[in-house]
Amino acid sequence: MKIGKVPTEVLKEIIFSNITHHREEVLVRPGVGEDCGVVDFGEYVCVLSSDPITGAAKDIGSLAIHISCNDVASNGVEPLGIMMTILAPVGTTKEDLLRVMTDANEAATSINVEIIGGHTEITDAVNRMIVSTTAIGKQPKVKMVSSKGAQVGDAVIMTKHGGLEGVSIIATDLYDILKDKIDEAVLERAITFGKDISVVKEGVLAGNLGIVNSMHDVTEGGILGALWELAEASELGIVVEGDAIPFMEETIEICSSLSIDPMRLISSGVMVMTVSQENKNQLLTTLREAGIDATEVATITEENRKIRLGGELVPLDPPREDELYKVI
């Protein structure tokens, strides 16, 4: 299989089909497009999500914190704690570990999350550092939001701009290569996009608003992958307005120079939300007043998944190998 997320059909055939023992306390179980597991604790639920960072060399500590916390935020809940596992290759120095932990601590502090445990190991099983995190959140049961609550006719709202995490990673890790063909000022601006990879603010804001039917944070597979997963989670269709999806000029220039598709570039920092047509303006206004860019980019339909580009409506393909892995 190719590098990146395991294909949807393999997840269903091999992974999900072999999770057969269920407990009544578990309210949300693994599924395509489902960001979190949810456990019933009476009046409250415990929301959990795990993710590794494998596609970045720099800022791995910060990315590891944000990626799992973003998943918890997609349930409309503020993450409170995180478990962190570091698997480091032979030759790792104390300075390497210090840099990871300093970055992780700064990221955790910025979103009010405590690192409450984990594991750190030097191993010859990896050839570069892998950091995996599990984020934990607490939420009143009545406020539960998941990825599978979309309704036919819902507007799909996207926050921020596509490819922001991926282009930041590329500009950081390939800076010395790209500076010969792209203005260094462009690269420097693209690097700063990495400061916006948390979706905790918009996730909690939308959750508290109480009008959002579903949410899903955008990671591997980019905005198109996330929109397909959002529809898949609710077993519905979607029509994506491709020309409405916002991208920064820096993202377009860097992706063009590397011949990669920004629509399928990893985009932690972007959240997609579904909301009824009557409530969409309230959601858009609330997000924008909070300083969060928000754009309507799709509509949930009863069946079929399509994207409109240049006026032509074509099938929307399932997620595939993220564009990041073509260059990193």
Protein backbone atom coordinates (compact mmCIF):
# COMPACT_ATOMS: atom_id res chain seq x y z
CA MET A 1 0.00 0.00 0.00
CA LYS A 2 1.00 3.61 -0.52
CA ILE A 3 2.31 5.96 2.17
CA GLY A 4 -0.37 7.75 4.18
CA LYS A 5 -3.79 6.90 5.51
CA VAL A 6 -4.92 3.35 4.84
CA PRO A 7 -7.54 3.39 2.05
CA THR A 8 -11.17 3.52 3.13
CA GLU A 9 -11.98 0.09 1.75
CA VAL A 10 -9.08 -1.46 3.69
CA LEU A 11 -10.17 0.27 6.89
CA LYS A 12 -13.63 -1.24 6.51
CA GLU A 13 -12.46 -4.70 5.43
CA ILE A 14 -9.52 -5.24 7.80
CA ILE A 15 -9.65 -2.75 10.67
CA PHE A 16 -13.27 -1.99 11.51
CA SER A 17 -14.54 -5.50 10.74
CA ASN A 18 -12.19 -6.90 13.37
CA ILE A 19 -13.46 -4.65 16.16
CA THR A 20 -16.30 -6.89 17.25
CA HIS A 21 -16.48 -6.63 21.04
CA HIS A 22 -18.60 -3.68 22.16
CA ARG A 23 -19.40 -2.17 25.55
CA GLU A 24 -22.58 -0.26 26.30
CA GLU A 25 -20.61 2.69 27.71
CA VAL A 26 -19.09 3.44 24.30
CA LEU A 27 -21.29 5.92 22.45
CA VAL A 28 -19.14 6.65 19.39
CA ARG A 29 -17.00 3.94 17.81
CA PRO A 30 -14.44 3.91 14.95
CA GLY A 31 -15.72 4.85 11.52
CA VAL A 32 -14.64 6.59 8.33
CA GLY A 33 -14.57 10.32 8.98
CA GLU A 34 -15.19 9.87 12.70
CA ASP A 35 -12.62 11.89 14.62
CA CYS A 36 -13.12 10.66 18.18
CA GLY A 37 -14.24 7.87 20.44
CA VAL A 38 -16.81 8.88 23.04
CA VAL A 39 -17.42 7.10 26.36
CA ASP A 40 -20.50 7.58 28.52
CA PHE A 41 -19.73 8.79 32.04
CA GLY A 42 -23.28 9.60 33.08
CA GLU A 43 -24.04 13.31 32.85
CA TYR A 44 -20.76 13.79 30.96
CA VAL A 45 -18.93 11.98 28.20
CA CYS A 46 -15.20 11.47 27.77
CA VAL A 47 -14.01 12.35 24.26
CA LEU A 48 -10.71 10.83 23.07
CA SER A 49 -8.61 10.91 19.93
CA SER A 50 -5.17 9.58 18.97
CA ASP A 51 -2.89 10.61 16.12
CA PRO A 52 0.80 10.35 15.18
CA ILE A 53 2.99 12.89 13.44
CA THR A 54 5.04 11.21 10.73
CA GLY A 55 5.23 13.68 7.81
CA ALA A 56 7.16 16.57 9.39
CA ALA A 57 10.75 16.89 10.56
CA LYS A 58 10.56 20.25 12.30
CA ASP A 59 7.95 21.50 14.82
CA ILE A 60 6.93 17.89 15.46
CA GLY A 61 6.23 18.53 19.14
CA SER A 62 3.83 21.37 18.42
CA LEU A 63 2.10 19.53 15.57
CA ALA A 64 1.62 16.45 17.74
CA ILE A 65 -0.25 18.45 20.36
CA HIS A 66 -2.50 20.26 17.93
CA ILE A 67 -3.46 17.34 15.68
CA SER A 68 -5.10 15.28 18.45
CA CYS A 69 -6.60 18.28 20.20
CA ASN A 70 -8.15 19.34 16.89
CA ASP A 71 -9.98 16.01 16.71
CA VAL A 72 -11.43 16.50 20.19
CA ALA A 73 -12.44 20.04 19.23
CA SER A 74 -14.38 18.61 16.28
CA ASN A 75 -16.82 17.29 18.88
CA GLY A 76 -17.34 20.84 20.08
CA VAL A 77 -15.39 20.28 23.28
CA GLU A 78 -12.26 21.85 24.75
CA PRO A 79 -9.43 19.30 25.21
CA LEU A 80 -8.05 19.25 28.76
CA GLY A 81 -5.25 16.68 28.77
CA ILE A 82 -2.92 14.82 26.46
CA MET A 83 -0.89 11.60 26.57
CA MET A 84 2.30 11.78 24.50
CA THR A 85 4.50 8.96 23.18
CA ILE A 86 7.90 9.69 21.63
CA LEU A 87 9.70 7.01 19.62
CA ALA A 88 13.13 8.34 18.69
CA PRO A 89 15.78 6.71 16.47
CA VAL A 90 19.22 5.67 17.60
CA GLY A 91 21.47 8.73 17.65
CA THR A 92 18.85 11.07 19.08
CA THR A 93 20.42 13.57 21.46
CA LYS A 94 19.15 15.16 24.63
CA GLU A 95 18.99 18.41 22.69
CA ASP A 96 16.66 16.76 20.14
CA LEU A 97 14.30 15.63 22.89
CA LEU A 98 14.49 19.02 24.56
CA ARG A 99 13.44 20.76 21.35
CA VAL A 100 10.45 18.44 20.92
CA MET A 101 9.28 18.86 24.49
CA THR A 102 9.79 22.63 24.50
CA ASP A 103 7.67 22.95 21.36
CA ALA A 104 5.03 20.57 22.74
CA ASN A 105 4.82 22.43 26.03
CA GLU A 106 4.43 25.79 24.29
CA ALA A 107 1.65 24.41 22.08
CA ALA A 108 -0.15 22.80 25.00
CA THR A 109 0.07 26.00 27.03
CA SER A 110 -1.34 28.04 24.15
CA ILE A 111 -4.59 26.00 24.15
CA ASN A 112 -4.75 25.34 27.91
CA VAL A 113 -4.02 21.60 27.70
CA GLU A 114 -1.91 19.66 30.21
CA ILE A 115 0.50 16.91 29.15
CA ILE A 116 -0.52 14.29 31.72
CA GLY A 117 1.57 11.27 30.74
CA GLY A 118 3.01 9.11 27.99
CA HIS A 119 6.19 7.27 27.08
CA THR A 120 9.61 8.16 25.66
CA GLU A 121 11.91 5.59 24.03
CA ILE A 122 15.00 5.34 21.83
CA THR A 123 14.48 2.50 19.37
CA ASP A 124 15.98 1.10 16.18
CA ALA A 125 12.44 0.33 14.99
CA VAL A 126 12.21 3.87 13.55
CA ASN A 127 14.59 5.87 11.35
CA ARG A 128 13.18 9.28 12.33
CA MET A 129 11.29 10.60 15.32
CA ILE A 130 7.63 9.64 15.68
CA VAL A 131 5.39 11.45 18.16
CA SER A 132 1.93 10.05 18.88
CA THR A 133 -0.60 11.79 21.11
CA THR A 134 -3.96 11.00 22.66
CA ALA A 135 -6.12 13.99 23.58
CA ILE A 136 -8.85 13.83 26.21
CA GLY A 137 -11.88 16.08 26.62
CA LYS A 138 -14.93 16.26 28.90
CA GLN A 139 -18.34 17.31 27.64
CA PRO A 140 -21.96 17.36 28.83
CA LYS A 141 -23.70 14.49 27.04
CA VAL A 142 -26.46 16.76 25.75
CA LYS A 143 -23.91 18.83 23.78
CA MET A 144 -22.37 15.94 21.84
CA VAL A 145 -21.37 16.73 18.25
CA SER A 146 -19.82 14.16 15.91
CA SER A 147 -18.77 13.76 12.29
CA LYS A 148 -21.86 11.74 11.38
CA GLY A 149 -24.67 14.19 12.17
CA ALA A 150 -24.93 15.92 8.80
CA GLN A 151 -28.45 16.39 7.39
CA VAL A 152 -29.62 16.58 3.79
CA GLY A 153 -29.65 20.22 2.71
CA ASP A 154 -27.03 21.33 5.26
CA ALA A 155 -24.56 24.00 4.20
CA VAL A 156 -20.92 23.01 4.70
CA ILE A 157 -18.78 25.75 6.23
CA MET A 158 -14.98 25.68 6.03
CA THR A 159 -12.75 27.73 8.34
CA LYS A 160 -9.47 29.43 7.32
CA HIS A 161 -7.79 28.34 4.05
CA GLY A 162 -6.87 25.06 2.39
CA GLY A 163 -3.46 23.41 2.65
CA LEU A 164 -2.25 25.65 5.47
CA GLU A 165 -0.47 22.92 7.46
CA GLY A 166 1.01 21.17 4.46
CA VAL A 167 2.42 24.28 2.83
CA SER A 168 3.90 25.38 6.16
CA ILE A 169 5.65 22.01 6.51
CA ILE A 170 6.91 22.16 2.92
CA ALA A 171 8.19 25.73 3.26
CA THR A 172 9.95 24.82 6.51
CA ASP A 173 11.48 21.48 5.57
CA LEU A 174 12.30 22.32 1.93
CA TYR A 175 13.29 25.94 2.46
CA ASP A 176 16.84 25.58 1.13
CA ILE A 177 15.59 23.82 -1.99
CA LEU A 178 12.68 26.13 -2.74
CA LYS A 179 14.43 29.46 -2.12
CA ASP A 180 16.17 29.20 -5.50
CA LYS A 181 12.84 29.38 -7.38
CA ILE A 182 10.43 31.04 -4.92
CA ASP A 183 10.89 34.41 -3.26
CA GLU A 184 12.07 33.93 0.31
CA ALA A 185 9.41 36.35 1.55
CA VAL A 186 6.75 33.98 0.17
CA LEU A 187 8.35 31.04 1.97
CA GLU A 188 8.57 32.99 5.22
CA ARG A 189 4.88 33.88 5.05
CA ALA A 190 3.96 30.27 4.29
CA ILE A 191 5.94 29.08 7.32
CA THR A 192 3.81 31.32 9.56
CA PHE A 193 0.66 29.45 8.48
CA GLY A 194 1.76 26.74 10.93
CA LYS A 195 0.81 29.06 13.79
CA ASP A 196 -2.85 28.63 12.82
CA ILE A 197 -3.16 24.82 12.94
CA SER A 198 -5.34 24.71 16.04
CA VAL A 199 -9.11 24.46 15.52
CA VAL A 200 -9.91 24.38 19.23
CA LYS A 201 -11.26 27.95 19.18
CA GLU A 202 -13.73 27.39 16.34
CA GLY A 203 -14.65 23.89 17.51
CA VAL A 204 -15.58 25.02 21.02
CA LEU A 205 -17.27 28.16 19.69
CA ALA A 206 -19.44 26.18 17.27
CA GLY A 207 -20.18 23.54 19.89
CA ASN A 208 -21.36 26.14 22.38
CA LEU A 209 -23.49 27.80 19.71
CA GLY A 210 -25.56 24.62 19.56
CA ILE A 211 -26.64 24.81 15.91
CA VAL A 212 -23.96 22.72 14.20
CA ASN A 213 -25.02 19.23 13.08
CA SER A 214 -21.55 17.79 12.45
CA MET A 215 -17.87 18.78 12.41
CA HIS A 216 -14.70 17.23 11.02
CA ASP A 217 -11.16 18.60 11.12
CA VAL A 218 -9.16 18.52 7.90
CA THR A 219 -5.98 16.44 8.02
CA GLU A 220 -4.43 13.98 5.55
CA GLY A 221 -6.16 14.06 2.18
CA GLY A 222 -6.75 17.81 2.38
CA ILE A 223 -10.03 19.64 2.10
CA LEU A 224 -11.45 17.34 -0.58
CA GLY A 225 -10.60 14.25 1.46
CA ALA A 226 -12.26 15.75 4.54
CA LEU A 227 -15.42 16.72 2.67
CA TRP A 228 -15.72 13.19 1.25
CA GLU A 229 -15.19 11.72 4.75
CA LEU A 230 -17.80 14.08 6.21
CA ALA A 231 -20.38 12.77 3.73
CA GLU A 232 -19.26 9.17 4.24
CA ALA A 233 -19.62 9.42 8.02
CA SER A 234 -23.30 10.38 7.63
CA GLU A 235 -23.83 8.03 4.66
CA LEU A 236 -24.96 10.95 2.50
CA GLY A 237 -23.92 12.77 -0.66
CA ILE A 238 -22.27 16.15 -1.13
CA VAL A 239 -21.81 18.78 -3.84
CA VAL A 240 -18.57 20.70 -3.39
CA GLU A 241 -18.16 24.14 -4.95
CA GLY A 242 -14.49 23.76 -5.81
CA ASP A 243 -14.01 27.32 -6.97
CA ALA A 244 -15.27 28.62 -3.61
CA ILE A 245 -12.57 26.87 -1.57
CA PRO A 246 -10.15 29.56 -0.33
CA PHE A 247 -6.37 29.27 -0.72
CA MET A 248 -3.65 31.78 0.04
CA GLU A 249 -1.52 32.99 -2.87
CA GLU A 250 1.56 31.53 -1.14
CA THR A 251 -0.07 28.10 -1.07
CA ILE A 252 -0.95 28.25 -4.76
CA GLU A 253 2.56 29.36 -5.74
CA ILE A 254 4.40 26.74 -3.67
CA CYS A 255 2.10 23.91 -4.73
CA SER A 256 2.33 24.95 -8.36
CA SER A 257 6.14 24.95 -8.21
CA LEU A 258 6.08 21.36 -6.92
CA SER A 259 3.21 20.17 -9.15
CA ILE A 260 1.01 19.11 -6.23
CA ASP A 261 -2.70 19.67 -5.64
CA PRO A 262 -3.46 22.05 -2.73
CA MET A 263 -6.98 20.61 -2.47
CA ARG A 264 -5.51 17.29 -1.36
CA LEU A 265 -2.74 18.68 0.86
CA ILE A 266 -2.85 18.05 4.61
CA SER A 267 -4.70 20.93 6.26
CA SER A 268 -4.76 20.70 10.04
CA GLY A 269 -6.06 24.07 11.21
CA VAL A 270 -9.12 23.87 8.98
CA MET A 271 -12.50 22.69 10.29
CA VAL A 272 -15.54 21.76 8.20
CA MET A 273 -18.98 22.07 9.80
CA THR A 274 -22.49 21.33 8.60
CA VAL A 275 -25.40 23.53 9.58
CA SER A 276 -28.96 24.02 8.36
CA GLN A 277 -29.55 26.64 5.70
CA GLU A 278 -31.60 28.71 8.16
CA ASN A 279 -28.75 28.78 10.70
CA LYS A 280 -25.75 29.12 8.38
CA ASN A 281 -25.59 32.93 8.48
CA GLN A 282 -25.58 32.85 12.28
CA LEU A 283 -22.63 30.43 12.24
CA LEU A 284 -20.73 32.42 9.61
CA THR A 285 -21.27 35.68 11.49
CA THR A 286 -20.25 34.19 14.84
CA LEU A 287 -17.03 32.74 13.42
CA ARG A 288 -16.09 35.92 11.56
CA GLU A 289 -16.79 38.12 14.57
CA ALA A 290 -14.37 35.89 16.51
CA GLY A 291 -11.69 36.58 13.90
CA ILE A 292 -12.01 33.20 12.16
CA ASP A 293 -12.31 33.24 8.37
CA ALA A 294 -15.28 31.10 7.28
CA THR A 295 -16.56 30.18 3.82
CA GLU A 296 -19.51 28.14 2.55
CA VAL A 297 -18.02 25.51 0.24
CA ALA A 298 -20.53 22.66 -0.18
CA THR A 299 -24.05 21.33 0.35
CA ILE A 300 -25.03 17.96 1.81
CA THR A 301 -27.23 15.94 -0.56
CA GLU A 302 -29.17 12.69 -0.31
CA GLU A 303 -26.77 10.76 -2.52
CA ASN A 304 -23.74 11.03 -4.85
CA ARG A 305 -20.55 12.96 -4.11
CA LYS A 306 -19.51 15.52 -6.68
CA ILE A 307 -17.39 18.64 -7.10
CA ARG A 308 -18.09 21.59 -9.38
CA LEU A 309 -14.97 23.05 -11.01
CA GLY A 310 -15.24 25.76 -13.65
CA GLY A 311 -18.94 25.08 -13.96
CA GLU A 312 -18.47 21.36 -14.63
CA LEU A 313 -19.83 18.83 -12.13
CA VAL A 314 -17.58 15.76 -11.78
CA PRO A 315 -17.34 12.87 -9.27
CA LEU A 316 -15.60 13.58 -5.95
CA ASP A 317 -13.07 10.80 -5.39
CA PRO A 318 -12.37 9.24 -1.98
CA PRO A 319 -9.22 10.32 -0.12
CA ARG A 320 -5.94 9.12 -1.57
CA GLU A 321 -2.27 9.53 -0.70
CA ASP A 322 -1.72 13.01 0.67
CA GLU A 323 0.16 15.36 -1.65
CA LEU A 324 2.69 16.04 1.13
CA TYR A 325 4.19 12.58 0.72
CA LYS A 326 5.06 13.33 -2.90
CA VAL A 327 7.61 15.93 -1.79
CA ILE A 328 8.54 15.11 1.84
